[in-house]
Amino acid sequence: MWEEPVVISMGKDQPNRSVQTSIEALRVLDGWWQKVDGPAFQNAINVCIAAIRNETSDENARAAFVSALSEGGVVLLPVE
């Protein structure tokens, strides 16, 4: 579990989503995405998989996930 979740806006009339683990982040990247397939997106997938395999830290996966969201123009919300 990440030290601090990443809260993202899922769009108008949709509830916000709090992502707290590398597995959840991978699911977001795999199942819901803005169809932006840039380098940060690809890196986030690889780093999340590495974190799940204990090959890197969960915080590295979190940082890669945030970069991918930024690359895709996804709105990050403050943690409440």
Foldseek 3Di string as FASTA:
>chain_A
DAPAWWWFDPDPPDDIDTHDWLVSLLCCLVPPALPDDDPLSVVLNVVSVCCVVVNDPRVVSVVSSVVRCVSRVIDTDDDD
